Amino acid sequence: MKTQKLDKKFEQLRDCIVHAMHEKQAENVVSIDLRKFNNRLAEMFIICHGNSVTQVEAIADYVEELSVKQMHQKPFHREGFENKEWILLDYFDIVVHVFLEEKRDFYSIEQLWGDGEIINYN
C-alpha cells in the first residue's frame, strides 16, 4: 500500500521536529506513519530517546522552541515534564515522544505500531 502524500506544512513540521531532535543529539530518531489505521491517534508519531532526564527535557524543550520559531506552531498538549522519562508533545497530526532510553525499551511503541511505515532518520 502506497503511503498518502503528505502536505507541505505537515512535511515542514515533521522536518523541523526531526532537526530539533538531531540538534540536541537525540538517539534513534524514527517516525511511524499511522495513516493507514482507522482508529489512529495521529497521522504520525516521531520518537527518539535521550541518555539522561536532562537530555530528554532539553530535546523536548528544543522541539517546542523550534516549532514555534520556524512553524509558528505550539503543541496542543504537552506532558511528562514532571519526571522527564517520557515527554509527549501533541501537535494534533504529529505526536512527539521523547523517552529516556530505558522507558523507550520498556514501552516499545515501535513494536506496538509496527504495522505503520517506520522511517529511521539517523
PDB file of N, CA and C in Angstrom:
ATOM      1  N   MET A   1       0.843  -1.181   0.000  1.00  0.00           N
ATOM      2  CA  MET A   1       0.000   0.000   0.000  1.00  0.00           C
ATOM      3  C   MET A   1       0.887   1.243   0.000  1.00  0.00           C
ATOM      4  N   LYS A   2       0.682   2.095  -0.978  1.00  0.00           N
ATOM      5  CA  LYS A   2       1.460   3.328  -1.067  1.00  0.00           C
ATOM      6  C   LYS A   2       0.995   4.309  -0.006  1.00  0.00           C
ATOM      7  N   THR A   3       1.956   4.987   0.616  1.00  0.00           N
ATOM      8  CA  THR A   3       1.652   5.981   1.626  1.00  0.00           C
ATOM      9  C   THR A   3       1.061   7.214   0.971  1.00  0.00           C
ATOM     10  N   GLN A   4       0.057   7.795   1.609  1.00  0.00           N
ATOM     11  CA  GLN A   4      -0.550   9.011   1.091  1.00  0.00           C
ATOM     12  C   GLN A   4       0.470  10.134   1.094  1.00  0.00           C
ATOM     13  N   LYS A   5       0.338  11.019   0.120  1.00  0.00           N
ATOM     14  CA  LYS A   5       1.259  12.150   0.032  1.00  0.00           C
ATOM     15  C   LYS A   5       0.999  13.102   1.198  1.00  0.00           C
ATOM     16  N   LEU A   6       2.066  13.522   1.835  1.00  0.00           N
ATOM     17  CA  LEU A   6       1.964  14.453   2.947  1.00  0.00           C
ATOM     18  C   LEU A   6       1.882  15.869   2.409  1.00  0.00           C
ATOM     19  N   ASP A   7       1.071  16.715   3.034  1.00  0.00           N
ATOM     20  CA  ASP A   7       1.032  18.099   2.583  1.00  0.00           C
ATOM     21  C   ASP A   7       2.279  18.838   3.056  1.00  0.00           C
ATOM     22  N   LYS A   8       2.563  19.954   2.415  1.00  0.00           N
ATOM     23  CA  LYS A   8       3.820  20.671   2.627  1.00  0.00           C
ATOM     24  C   LYS A   8       3.989  21.130   4.073  1.00  0.00           C
ATOM     25  N   LYS A   9       2.948  21.673   4.695  1.00  0.00           N
ATOM     26  CA  LYS A   9       3.062  22.153   6.075  1.00  0.00           C
ATOM     27  C   LYS A   9       3.343  20.999   7.034  1.00  0.00           C
ATOM     28  N   PHE A  10       2.691  19.876   6.807  1.00  0.00           N
ATOM     29  CA  PHE A  10       2.922  18.678   7.611  1.00  0.00           C
ATOM     30  C   PHE A  10       4.379  18.233   7.475  1.00  0.00           C
ATOM     31  N   GLU A  11       4.880  18.180   6.233  1.00  0.00           N
ATOM     32  CA  GLU A  11       6.268  17.788   5.990  1.00  0.00           C
ATOM     33  C   GLU A  11       7.241  18.746   6.665  1.00  0.00           C
ATOM     34  N   GLN A  12       6.946  20.032   6.606  1.00  0.00           N
ATOM     35  CA  GLN A  12       7.823  21.030   7.215  1.00  0.00           C
ATOM     36  C   GLN A  12       7.859  20.874   8.730  1.00  0.00           C
ATOM     37  N   LEU A  13       6.705  20.617   9.340  1.00  0.00           N
ATOM     38  CA  LEU A  13       6.674  20.404  10.787  1.00  0.00           C
ATOM     39  C   LEU A  13       7.446  19.146  11.152  1.00  0.00           C
ATOM     40  N   ARG A  14       7.237  18.081  10.412  1.00  0.00           N
ATOM     41  CA  ARG A  14       7.982  16.835  10.648  1.00  0.00           C
ATOM     42  C   ARG A  14       9.485  17.090  10.567  1.00  0.00           C
ATOM     43  N   ASP A  15       9.914  17.769   9.519  1.00  0.00           N
ATOM     44  CA  ASP A  15      11.342  18.046   9.328  1.00  0.00           C
ATOM     45  C   ASP A  15      11.892  18.945  10.431  1.00  0.00           C
ATOM     46  N   CYS A  16      11.111  19.911  10.868  1.00  0.00           N
ATOM     47  CA  CYS A  16      11.510  20.806  11.956  1.00  0.00           C
ATOM     48  C   CYS A  16      11.720  20.017  13.244  1.00  0.00           C
ATOM     49  N   ILE A  17      10.811  19.114  13.551  1.00  0.00           N
ATOM     50  CA  ILE A  17      10.894  18.293  14.765  1.00  0.00           C
ATOM     51  C   ILE A  17      12.123  17.392  14.711  1.00  0.00           C
ATOM     52  N   VAL A  18      12.324  16.724  13.592  1.00  0.00           N
ATOM     53  CA  VAL A  18      13.470  15.830  13.439  1.00  0.00           C
ATOM     54  C   VAL A  18      14.775  16.624  13.554  1.00  0.00           C
ATOM     55  N   HIS A  19      14.823  17.795  12.927  1.00  0.00           N
ATOM     56  CA  HIS A  19      16.016  18.640  13.005  1.00  0.00           C
ATOM     57  C   HIS A  19      16.304  19.038  14.455  1.00  0.00           C
ATOM     58  N   ALA A  20      15.271  19.452  15.179  1.00  0.00           N
ATOM     59  CA  ALA A  20      15.449  19.849  16.583  1.00  0.00           C
ATOM     60  C   ALA A  20      15.985  18.684  17.405  1.00  0.00           C
ATOM     61  N   MET A  21      15.466  17.494  17.169  1.00  0.00           N
ATOM     62  CA  MET A  21      15.954  16.311  17.883  1.00  0.00           C
ATOM     63  C   MET A  21      17.426  16.075  17.612  1.00  0.00           C
ATOM     64  N   HIS A  22      17.815  16.168  16.349  1.00  0.00           N
ATOM     65  CA  HIS A  22      19.220  15.959  15.999  1.00  0.00           C
ATOM     66  C   HIS A  22      20.121  17.027  16.602  1.00  0.00           C
ATOM     67  N   GLU A  23      19.645  18.251  16.676  1.00  0.00           N
ATOM     68  CA  GLU A  23      20.437  19.341  17.252  1.00  0.00           C
ATOM     69  C   GLU A  23      20.781  19.070  18.722  1.00  0.00           C
ATOM     70  N   LYS A  24      19.928  18.339  19.413  1.00  0.00           N
ATOM     71  CA  LYS A  24      20.165  18.007  20.826  1.00  0.00           C
ATOM     72  C   LYS A  24      20.674  16.584  20.996  1.00  0.00           C
ATOM     73  N   GLN A  25      21.247  16.020  19.934  1.00  0.00           N
ATOM     74  CA  GLN A  25      21.866  14.692  19.931  1.00  0.00           C
ATOM     75  C   GLN A  25      20.926  13.579  20.386  1.00  0.00           C
ATOM     76  N   ALA A  26      19.671  13.665  19.972  1.00  0.00           N
ATOM     77  CA  ALA A  26      18.715  12.594  20.273  1.00  0.00           C
ATOM     78  C   ALA A  26      19.178  11.299  19.604  1.00  0.00           C
ATOM     79  N   GLU A  27      18.873  10.201  20.229  1.00  0.00           N
ATOM     80  CA  GLU A  27      19.257   8.883  19.727  1.00  0.00           C
ATOM     81  C   GLU A  27      18.077   8.226  19.008  1.00  0.00           C
ATOM     82  N   ASN A  28      18.407   7.465  17.956  1.00  0.00           N
ATOM     83  CA  ASN A  28      17.448   6.612  17.251  1.00  0.00           C
ATOM     84  C   ASN A  28      16.141   7.343  16.923  1.00  0.00           C
ATOM     85  N   VAL A  29      16.225   8.387  16.119  1.00  0.00           N
ATOM     86  CA  VAL A  29      15.056   9.178  15.717  1.00  0.00           C
ATOM     87  C   VAL A  29      14.317   8.423  14.618  1.00  0.00           C
ATOM     88  N   VAL A  30      13.041   8.135  14.854  1.00  0.00           N
ATOM     89  CA  VAL A  30      12.207   7.450  13.869  1.00  0.00           C
ATOM     90  C   VAL A  30      10.830   8.103  13.820  1.00  0.00           C
ATOM     91  N   SER A  31      10.170   7.926  12.679  1.00  0.00           N
ATOM     92  CA  SER A  31       8.760   8.298  12.586  1.00  0.00           C
ATOM     93  C   SER A  31       7.972   7.051  12.214  1.00  0.00           C
ATOM     94  N   ILE A  32       6.728   7.038  12.629  1.00  0.00           N
ATOM     95  CA  ILE A  32       5.813   5.960  12.267  1.00  0.00           C
ATOM     96  C   ILE A  32       4.598   6.606  11.621  1.00  0.00           C
ATOM     97  N   ASP A  33       4.384   6.300  10.344  1.00  0.00           N
ATOM     98  CA  ASP A  33       3.231   6.810   9.605  1.00  0.00           C
ATOM     99  C   ASP A  33       2.028   5.937   9.973  1.00  0.00           C
ATOM    100  N   LEU A  34       1.021   6.544  10.577  1.00  0.00           N
ATOM    101  CA  LEU A  34      -0.135   5.813  11.096  1.00  0.00           C
ATOM    102  C   LEU A  34      -1.384   5.970  10.238  1.00  0.00           C
ATOM    103  N   ARG A  35      -1.282   6.627   9.099  1.00  0.00           N
ATOM    104  CA  ARG A  35      -2.474   6.989   8.334  1.00  0.00           C
ATOM    105  C   ARG A  35      -3.267   5.819   7.783  1.00  0.00           C
ATOM    106  N   LYS A  36      -2.679   4.652   7.704  1.00  0.00           N
ATOM    107  CA  LYS A  36      -3.440   3.513   7.174  1.00  0.00           C
ATOM    108  C   LYS A  36      -4.340   2.863   8.235  1.00  0.00           C
ATOM    109  N   PHE A  37      -4.199   3.283   9.500  1.00  0.00           N
ATOM    110  CA  PHE A  37      -5.028   2.736  10.578  1.00  0.00           C
ATOM    111  C   PHE A  37      -6.316   3.539  10.708  1.00  0.00           C
ATOM    112  N   ASN A  38      -7.417   2.844  10.893  1.00  0.00           N
ATOM    113  CA  ASN A  38      -8.715   3.522  11.021  1.00  0.00           C
ATOM    114  C   ASN A  38      -8.856   4.270  12.340  1.00  0.00           C
ATOM    115  N   ASN A  39      -8.422   3.698  13.424  1.00  0.00           N
ATOM    116  CA  ASN A  39      -8.603   4.297  14.752  1.00  0.00           C
ATOM    117  C   ASN A  39      -7.309   4.892  15.283  1.00  0.00           C
ATOM    118  N   ARG A  40      -6.615   5.602  14.440  1.00  0.00           N
ATOM    119  CA  ARG A  40      -5.315   6.163  14.830  1.00  0.00           C
ATOM    120  C   ARG A  40      -5.486   7.369  15.745  1.00  0.00           C
ATOM    121  N   LEU A  41      -4.457   7.601  16.536  1.00  0.00           N
ATOM    122  CA  LEU A  41      -4.433   8.734  17.448  1.00  0.00           C
ATOM    123  C   LEU A  41      -3.899   9.983  16.770  1.00  0.00           C
ATOM    124  N   ALA A  42      -3.124   9.792  15.714  1.00  0.00           N
ATOM    125  CA  ALA A  42      -2.498  10.888  14.980  1.00  0.00           C
ATOM    126  C   ALA A  42      -2.117  10.368  13.599  1.00  0.00           C
ATOM    127  N   GLU A  43      -1.644  11.249  12.755  1.00  0.00           N
ATOM    128  CA  GLU A  43      -1.155  10.850  11.436  1.00  0.00           C
ATOM    129  C   GLU A  43       0.226  10.206  11.543  1.00  0.00           C
ATOM    130  N   MET A  44       1.017  10.697  12.517  1.00  0.00           N
ATOM    131  CA  MET A  44       2.393  10.240  12.639  1.00  0.00           C
ATOM    132  C   MET A  44       2.877  10.381  14.068  1.00  0.00           C
ATOM    133  N   PHE A  45       3.690   9.434  14.494  1.00  0.00           N
ATOM    134  CA  PHE A  45       4.474   9.554  15.720  1.00  0.00           C
ATOM    135  C   PHE A  45       5.910   9.837  15.305  1.00  0.00           C
ATOM    136  N   ILE A  46       6.586  10.701  16.036  1.00  0.00           N
ATOM    137  CA  ILE A  46       8.026  10.872  15.895  1.00  0.00           C
ATOM    138  C   ILE A  46       8.616  10.554  17.261  1.00  0.00           C
ATOM    139  N   ILE A  47       9.571   9.628  17.283  1.00  0.00           N
ATOM    140  CA  ILE A  47      10.066   9.061  18.529  1.00  0.00           C
ATOM    141  C   ILE A  47      11.593   9.171  18.565  1.00  0.00           C
ATOM    142  N   CYS A  48      12.103   9.468  19.750  1.00  0.00           N
ATOM    143  CA  CYS A  48      13.549   9.437  19.972  1.00  0.00           C
ATOM    144  C   CYS A  48      13.788   9.180  21.450  1.00  0.00           C
ATOM    145  N   HIS A  49      15.056   9.055  21.814  1.00  0.00           N
ATOM    146  CA  HIS A  49      15.368   8.956  23.238  1.00  0.00           C
ATOM    147  C   HIS A  49      16.647   9.724  23.550  1.00  0.00           C
ATOM    148  N   GLY A  50      16.773  10.042  24.828  1.00  0.00           N
ATOM    149  CA  GLY A  50      17.972  10.665  25.358  1.00  0.00           C
ATOM    150  C   GLY A  50      18.581   9.752  26.401  1.00  0.00           C
ATOM    151  N   ASN A  51      19.780  10.088  26.821  1.00  0.00           N
ATOM    152  CA  ASN A  51      20.509   9.240  27.754  1.00  0.00           C
ATOM    153  C   ASN A  51      20.411   9.687  29.208  1.00  0.00           C
ATOM    154  N   SER A  52      19.715  10.790  29.452  1.00  0.00           N
ATOM    155  CA  SER A  52      19.510  11.286  30.820  1.00  0.00           C
ATOM    156  C   SER A  52      18.220  12.108  30.827  1.00  0.00           C
ATOM    157  N   VAL A  53      17.665  12.319  32.016  1.00  0.00           N
ATOM    158  CA  VAL A  53      16.450  13.134  32.104  1.00  0.00           C
ATOM    159  C   VAL A  53      16.735  14.569  31.665  1.00  0.00           C
ATOM    160  N   THR A  54      17.952  15.031  31.892  1.00  0.00           N
ATOM    161  CA  THR A  54      18.332  16.371  31.446  1.00  0.00           C
ATOM    162  C   THR A  54      18.293  16.462  29.924  1.00  0.00           C
ATOM    163  N   GLN A  55      18.810  15.455  29.246  1.00  0.00           N
ATOM    164  CA  GLN A  55      18.796  15.454  27.784  1.00  0.00           C
ATOM    165  C   GLN A  55      17.375  15.297  27.251  1.00  0.00           C
ATOM    166  N   VAL A  56      16.574  14.442  27.873  1.00  0.00           N
ATOM    167  CA  VAL A  56      15.178  14.268  27.450  1.00  0.00           C
ATOM    168  C   VAL A  56      14.453  15.609  27.502  1.00  0.00           C
ATOM    169  N   GLU A  57      14.615  16.329  28.595  1.00  0.00           N
ATOM    170  CA  GLU A  57      13.970  17.640  28.727  1.00  0.00           C
ATOM    171  C   GLU A  57      14.507  18.625  27.695  1.00  0.00           C
ATOM    172  N   ALA A  58      15.823  18.623  27.472  1.00  0.00           N
ATOM    173  CA  ALA A  58      16.421  19.544  26.503  1.00  0.00           C
ATOM    174  C   ALA A  58      15.905  19.277  25.087  1.00  0.00           C
ATOM    175  N   ILE A  59      15.771  18.017  24.725  1.00  0.00           N
ATOM    176  CA  ILE A  59      15.253  17.659  23.405  1.00  0.00           C
ATOM    177  C   ILE A  59      13.826  18.171  23.260  1.00  0.00           C
ATOM    178  N   ALA A  60      12.977  17.857  24.230  1.00  0.00           N
ATOM    179  CA  ALA A  60      11.574  18.268  24.160  1.00  0.00           C
ATOM    180  C   ALA A  60      11.442  19.793  24.139  1.00  0.00           C
ATOM    181  N   ASP A  61      12.196  20.470  24.981  1.00  0.00           N
ATOM    182  CA  ASP A  61      12.160  21.933  25.005  1.00  0.00           C
ATOM    183  C   ASP A  61      12.556  22.515  23.656  1.00  0.00           C
ATOM    184  N   TYR A  62      13.599  21.954  23.039  1.00  0.00           N
ATOM    185  CA  TYR A  62      14.070  22.498  21.773  1.00  0.00           C
ATOM    186  C   TYR A  62      13.111  22.175  20.623  1.00  0.00           C
ATOM    187  N   VAL A  63      12.486  21.015  20.649  1.00  0.00           N
ATOM    188  CA  VAL A  63      11.457  20.699  19.648  1.00  0.00           C
ATOM    189  C   VAL A  63      10.353  21.756  19.727  1.00  0.00           C
ATOM    190  N   GLU A  64       9.914  22.046  20.933  1.00  0.00           N
ATOM    191  CA  GLU A  64       8.855  23.038  21.123  1.00  0.00           C
ATOM    192  C   GLU A  64       9.320  24.431  20.694  1.00  0.00           C
ATOM    193  N   GLU A  65      10.511  24.806  21.110  1.00  0.00           N
ATOM    194  CA  GLU A  65      11.053  26.130  20.767  1.00  0.00           C
ATOM    195  C   GLU A  65      11.176  26.309  19.254  1.00  0.00           C
ATOM    196  N   LEU A  66      11.744  25.318  18.576  1.00  0.00           N
ATOM    197  CA  LEU A  66      11.959  25.429  17.140  1.00  0.00           C
ATOM    198  C   LEU A  66      10.646  25.381  16.360  1.00  0.00           C
ATOM    199  N   SER A  67       9.690  24.594  16.827  1.00  0.00           N
ATOM    200  CA  SER A  67       8.403  24.540  16.120  1.00  0.00           C
ATOM    201  C   SER A  67       7.662  25.873  16.220  1.00  0.00           C
ATOM    202  N   VAL A  68       7.820  26.552  17.339  1.00  0.00           N
ATOM    203  CA  VAL A  68       7.213  27.878  17.481  1.00  0.00           C
ATOM    204  C   VAL A  68       7.960  28.874  16.600  1.00  0.00           C
ATOM    205  N   LYS A  69       9.280  28.834  16.645  1.00  0.00           N
ATOM    206  CA  LYS A  69      10.103  29.797  15.902  1.00  0.00           C
ATOM    207  C   LYS A  69       9.955  29.624  14.390  1.00  0.00           C
ATOM    208  N   GLN A  70      10.036  28.400  13.907  1.00  0.00           N
ATOM    209  CA  GLN A  70      10.030  28.159  12.462  1.00  0.00           C
ATOM    210  C   GLN A  70       8.641  27.971  11.880  1.00  0.00           C
ATOM    211  N   MET A  71       7.757  27.333  12.636  1.00  0.00           N
ATOM    212  CA  MET A  71       6.444  26.964  12.099  1.00  0.00           C
ATOM    213  C   MET A  71       5.296  27.761  12.718  1.00  0.00           C
ATOM    214  N   HIS A  72       5.609  28.557  13.738  1.00  0.00           N
ATOM    215  CA  HIS A  72       4.579  29.308  14.479  1.00  0.00           C
ATOM    216  C   HIS A  72       3.502  28.360  15.009  1.00  0.00           C
ATOM    217  N   GLN A  73       3.961  27.223  15.491  1.00  0.00           N
ATOM    218  CA  GLN A  73       3.047  26.190  15.970  1.00  0.00           C
ATOM    219  C   GLN A  73       3.499  25.660  17.325  1.00  0.00           C
ATOM    220  N   LYS A  74       2.623  25.822  18.311  1.00  0.00           N
ATOM    221  CA  LYS A  74       2.862  25.269  19.643  1.00  0.00           C
ATOM    222  C   LYS A  74       2.125  23.949  19.749  1.00  0.00           C
ATOM    223  N   PRO A  75       2.614  23.052  20.590  1.00  0.00           N
ATOM    224  CA  PRO A  75       1.854  21.812  20.786  1.00  0.00           C
ATOM    225  C   PRO A  75       0.517  22.107  21.461  1.00  0.00           C
ATOM    226  N   PHE A  76      -0.500  21.367  21.048  1.00  0.00           N
ATOM    227  CA  PHE A  76      -1.819  21.481  21.648  1.00  0.00           C
ATOM    228  C   PHE A  76      -1.789  20.983  23.087  1.00  0.00           C
ATOM    229  N   HIS A  77      -0.995  19.957  23.323  1.00  0.00           N
ATOM    230  CA  HIS A  77      -0.898  19.340  24.647  1.00  0.00           C
ATOM    231  C   HIS A  77       0.536  18.893  24.871  1.00  0.00           C
ATOM    232  N   ARG A  78       0.985  18.991  26.096  1.00  0.00           N
ATOM    233  CA  ARG A  78       2.326  18.522  26.468  1.00  0.00           C
ATOM    234  C   ARG A  78       2.247  17.899  27.839  1.00  0.00           C
ATOM    235  N   GLU A  79       2.988  16.821  28.038  1.00  0.00           N
ATOM    236  CA  GLU A  79       3.008  16.173  29.349  1.00  0.00           C
ATOM    237  C   GLU A  79       4.303  15.404  29.545  1.00  0.00           C
ATOM    238  N   GLY A  80       4.592  15.090  30.788  1.00  0.00           N
ATOM    239  CA  GLY A  80       5.768  14.308  31.135  1.00  0.00           C
ATOM    240  C   GLY A  80       6.940  15.133  31.628  1.00  0.00           C
ATOM    241  N   PHE A  81       6.766  16.448  31.746  1.00  0.00           N
ATOM    242  CA  PHE A  81       7.868  17.302  32.178  1.00  0.00           C
ATOM    243  C   PHE A  81       8.141  17.178  33.678  1.00  0.00           C
ATOM    244  N   GLU A  82       7.256  16.492  34.401  1.00  0.00           N
ATOM    245  CA  GLU A  82       7.466  16.314  35.841  1.00  0.00           C
ATOM    246  C   GLU A  82       8.591  15.310  36.105  1.00  0.00           C
ATOM    247  N   ASN A  83       8.497  14.125  35.476  1.00  0.00           N
ATOM    248  CA  ASN A  83       9.520  13.100  35.735  1.00  0.00           C
ATOM    249  C   ASN A  83      10.558  12.999  34.619  1.00  0.00           C
ATOM    250  N   LYS A  84      10.247  13.540  33.446  1.00  0.00           N
ATOM    251  CA  LYS A  84      11.186  13.632  32.317  1.00  0.00           C
ATOM    252  C   LYS A  84      11.694  12.283  31.825  1.00  0.00           C
ATOM    253  N   GLU A  85      10.898  11.246  31.988  1.00  0.00           N
ATOM    254  CA  GLU A  85      11.267   9.928  31.471  1.00  0.00           C
ATOM    255  C   GLU A  85      10.583   9.639  30.141  1.00  0.00           C
ATOM    256  N   TRP A  86       9.423  10.267  29.909  1.00  0.00           N
ATOM    257  CA  TRP A  86       8.684  10.141  28.656  1.00  0.00           C
ATOM    258  C   TRP A  86       7.912  11.440  28.494  1.00  0.00           C
ATOM    259  N   ILE A  87       8.393  12.291  27.625  1.00  0.00           N
ATOM    260  CA  ILE A  87       7.725  13.567  27.366  1.00  0.00           C
ATOM    261  C   ILE A  87       6.974  13.447  26.050  1.00  0.00           C
ATOM    262  N   LEU A  88       5.724  13.901  26.056  1.00  0.00           N
ATOM    263  CA  LEU A  88       4.870  13.840  24.888  1.00  0.00           C
ATOM    264  C   LEU A  88       4.496  15.262  24.489  1.00  0.00           C
ATOM    265  N   LEU A  89       4.632  15.567  23.210  1.00  0.00           N
ATOM    266  CA  LEU A  89       4.187  16.837  22.641  1.00  0.00           C
ATOM    267  C   LEU A  89       3.190  16.509  21.542  1.00  0.00           C
ATOM    268  N   ASP A  90       1.965  17.003  21.675  1.00  0.00           N
ATOM    269  CA  ASP A  90       0.889  16.674  20.739  1.00  0.00           C
ATOM    270  C   ASP A  90       0.616  17.860  19.826  1.00  0.00           C
ATOM    271  N   TYR A  91       0.924  17.687  18.548  1.00  0.00           N
ATOM    272  CA  TYR A  91       0.678  18.707  17.531  1.00  0.00           C
ATOM    273  C   TYR A  91      -0.527  18.326  16.667  1.00  0.00           C
ATOM    274  N   PHE A  92      -1.480  17.609  17.198  1.00  0.00           N
ATOM    275  CA  PHE A  92      -2.662  17.069  16.519  1.00  0.00           C
ATOM    276  C   PHE A  92      -2.278  15.967  15.533  1.00  0.00           C
ATOM    277  N   ASP A  93      -1.741  16.336  14.369  1.00  0.00           N
ATOM    278  CA  ASP A  93      -1.408  15.337  13.351  1.00  0.00           C
ATOM    279  C   ASP A  93      -0.129  14.582  13.676  1.00  0.00           C
ATOM    280  N   ILE A  94       0.766  15.236  14.404  1.00  0.00           N
ATOM    281  CA  ILE A  94       2.036  14.614  14.784  1.00  0.00           C
ATOM    282  C   ILE A  94       2.131  14.592  16.305  1.00  0.00           C
ATOM    283  N   VAL A  95       2.431  13.426  16.851  1.00  0.00           N
ATOM    284  CA  VAL A  95       2.665  13.291  18.285  1.00  0.00           C
ATOM    285  C   VAL A  95       4.134  12.923  18.475  1.00  0.00           C
ATOM    286  N   VAL A  96       4.820  13.742  19.263  1.00  0.00           N
ATOM    287  CA  VAL A  96       6.246  13.573  19.515  1.00  0.00           C
ATOM    288  C   VAL A  96       6.422  12.848  20.846  1.00  0.00           C
ATOM    289  N   HIS A  97       7.255  11.810  20.843  1.00  0.00           N
ATOM    290  CA  HIS A  97       7.580  11.055  22.046  1.00  0.00           C
ATOM    291  C   HIS A  97       9.077  11.149  22.270  1.00  0.00           C
ATOM    292  N   VAL A  98       9.471  11.729  23.397  1.00  0.00           N
ATOM    293  CA  VAL A  98      10.891  11.813  23.760  1.00  0.00           C
ATOM    294  C   VAL A  98      11.066  10.993  25.035  1.00  0.00           C
ATOM    295  N   PHE A  99      11.791   9.910  24.921  1.00  0.00           N
ATOM    296  CA  PHE A  99      11.935   8.948  26.009  1.00  0.00           C
ATOM    297  C   PHE A  99      13.323   8.998  26.633  1.00  0.00           C
ATOM    298  N   LEU A 100      13.395   8.581  27.864  1.00  0.00           N
ATOM    299  CA  LEU A 100      14.628   8.088  28.453  1.00  0.00           C
ATOM    300  C   LEU A 100      14.808   6.691  27.857  1.00  0.00           C
ATOM    301  N   GLU A 101      16.019   6.300  27.522  1.00  0.00           N
ATOM    302  CA  GLU A 101      16.241   5.053  26.781  1.00  0.00           C
ATOM    303  C   GLU A 101      15.564   3.840  27.421  1.00  0.00           C
ATOM    304  N   GLU A 102      15.674   3.695  28.737  1.00  0.00           N
ATOM    305  CA  GLU A 102      15.076   2.528  29.405  1.00  0.00           C
ATOM    306  C   GLU A 102      13.556   2.508  29.255  1.00  0.00           C
ATOM    307  N   LYS A 103      12.922   3.684  29.291  1.00  0.00           N
ATOM    308  CA  LYS A 103      11.461   3.752  29.149  1.00  0.00           C
ATOM    309  C   LYS A 103      11.047   3.451  27.718  1.00  0.00           C
ATOM    310  N   ARG A 104      11.845   3.882  26.766  1.00  0.00           N
ATOM    311  CA  ARG A 104      11.539   3.572  25.367  1.00  0.00           C
ATOM    312  C   ARG A 104      11.582   2.063  25.143  1.00  0.00           C
ATOM    313  N   ASP A 105      12.598   1.426  25.686  1.00  0.00           N
ATOM    314  CA  ASP A 105      12.707  -0.034  25.559  1.00  0.00           C
ATOM    315  C   ASP A 105      11.514  -0.726  26.226  1.00  0.00           C
ATOM    316  N   PHE A 106      11.119  -0.238  27.380  1.00  0.00           N
ATOM    317  CA  PHE A 106      10.025  -0.849  28.132  1.00  0.00           C
ATOM    318  C   PHE A 106       8.688  -0.727  27.392  1.00  0.00           C
ATOM    319  N   TYR A 107       8.362   0.473  26.912  1.00  0.00           N
ATOM    320  CA  TYR A 107       7.057   0.700  26.272  1.00  0.00           C
ATOM    321  C   TYR A 107       7.009   0.255  24.820  1.00  0.00           C
ATOM    322  N   SER A 108       8.131   0.225  24.151  1.00  0.00           N
ATOM    323  CA  SER A 108       8.251  -0.396  22.830  1.00  0.00           C
ATOM    324  C   SER A 108       7.182   0.054  21.833  1.00  0.00           C
ATOM    325  N   ILE A 109       7.026   1.354  21.693  1.00  0.00           N
ATOM    326  CA  ILE A 109       5.991   1.898  20.805  1.00  0.00           C
ATOM    327  C   ILE A 109       6.176   1.440  19.363  1.00  0.00           C
ATOM    328  N   GLU A 110       7.427   1.349  18.914  1.00  0.00           N
ATOM    329  CA  GLU A 110       7.661   0.917  17.533  1.00  0.00           C
ATOM    330  C   GLU A 110       7.096  -0.480  17.279  1.00  0.00           C
ATOM    331  N   GLN A 111       7.139  -1.343  18.282  1.00  0.00           N
ATOM    332  CA  GLN A 111       6.577  -2.683  18.099  1.00  0.00           C
ATOM    333  C   GLN A 111       5.053  -2.665  18.172  1.00  0.00           C
ATOM    334  N   LEU A 112       4.503  -1.821  19.046  1.00  0.00           N
ATOM    335  CA  LEU A 112       3.049  -1.723  19.149  1.00  0.00           C
ATOM    336  C   LEU A 112       2.417  -1.239  17.847  1.00  0.00           C
ATOM    337  N   TRP A 113       3.088  -0.309  17.174  1.00  0.00           N
ATOM    338  CA  TRP A 113       2.587   0.277  15.937  1.00  0.00           C
ATOM    339  C   TRP A 113       3.433  -0.186  14.753  1.00  0.00           C
ATOM    340  N   GLY A 114       3.993  -1.384  14.849  1.00  0.00           N
ATOM    341  CA  GLY A 114       4.915  -1.897  13.851  1.00  0.00           C
ATOM    342  C   GLY A 114       4.346  -2.089  12.459  1.00  0.00           C
ATOM    343  N   ASP A 115       3.017  -2.081  12.321  1.00  0.00           N
ATOM    344  CA  ASP A 115       2.406  -2.203  11.001  1.00  0.00           C
ATOM    345  C   ASP A 115       2.445  -0.882  10.236  1.00  0.00           C
ATOM    346  N   GLY A 116       2.767   0.203  10.945  1.00  0.00           N
ATOM    347  CA  GLY A 116       2.907   1.506  10.280  1.00  0.00           C
ATOM    348  C   GLY A 116       4.234   1.570   9.554  1.00  0.00           C
ATOM    349  N   GLU A 117       4.335   2.510   8.639  1.00  0.00           N
ATOM    350  CA  GLU A 117       5.593   2.696   7.916  1.00  0.00           C
ATOM    351  C   GLU A 117       6.586   3.406   8.821  1.00  0.00           C
ATOM    352  N   ILE A 118       7.700   2.755   9.127  1.00  0.00           N
ATOM    353  CA  ILE A 118       8.719   3.310  10.029  1.00  0.00           C
ATOM    354  C   ILE A 118       9.872   3.842   9.190  1.00  0.00           C
ATOM    355  N   ILE A 119      10.230   5.095   9.466  1.00  0.00           N
ATOM    356  CA  ILE A 119      11.363   5.731   8.791  1.00  0.00           C
ATOM    357  C   ILE A 119      12.394   6.086   9.857  1.00  0.00           C
ATOM    358  N   ASN A 120      13.632   5.693   9.622  1.00  0.00           N
ATOM    359  CA  ASN A 120      14.727   5.985  10.536  1.00  0.00           C
ATOM    360  C   ASN A 120      15.465   7.214  10.025  1.00  0.00           C
ATOM    361  N   TYR A 121      15.692   8.214  10.885  1.00  0.00           N
ATOM    362  CA  TYR A 121      16.329   9.480  10.491  1.00  0.00           C
ATOM    363  C   TYR A 121      17.776   9.578  10.953  1.00  0.00           C
ATOM    364  N   ASN A 122      18.396   8.495  11.331  1.00  0.00           N
ATOM    365  CA  ASN A 122      19.795   8.553  11.785  1.00  0.00           C
ATOM    366  C   ASN A 122      20.759   8.421  10.634  1.00  0.00           C
TER     367      ASN A 122
END
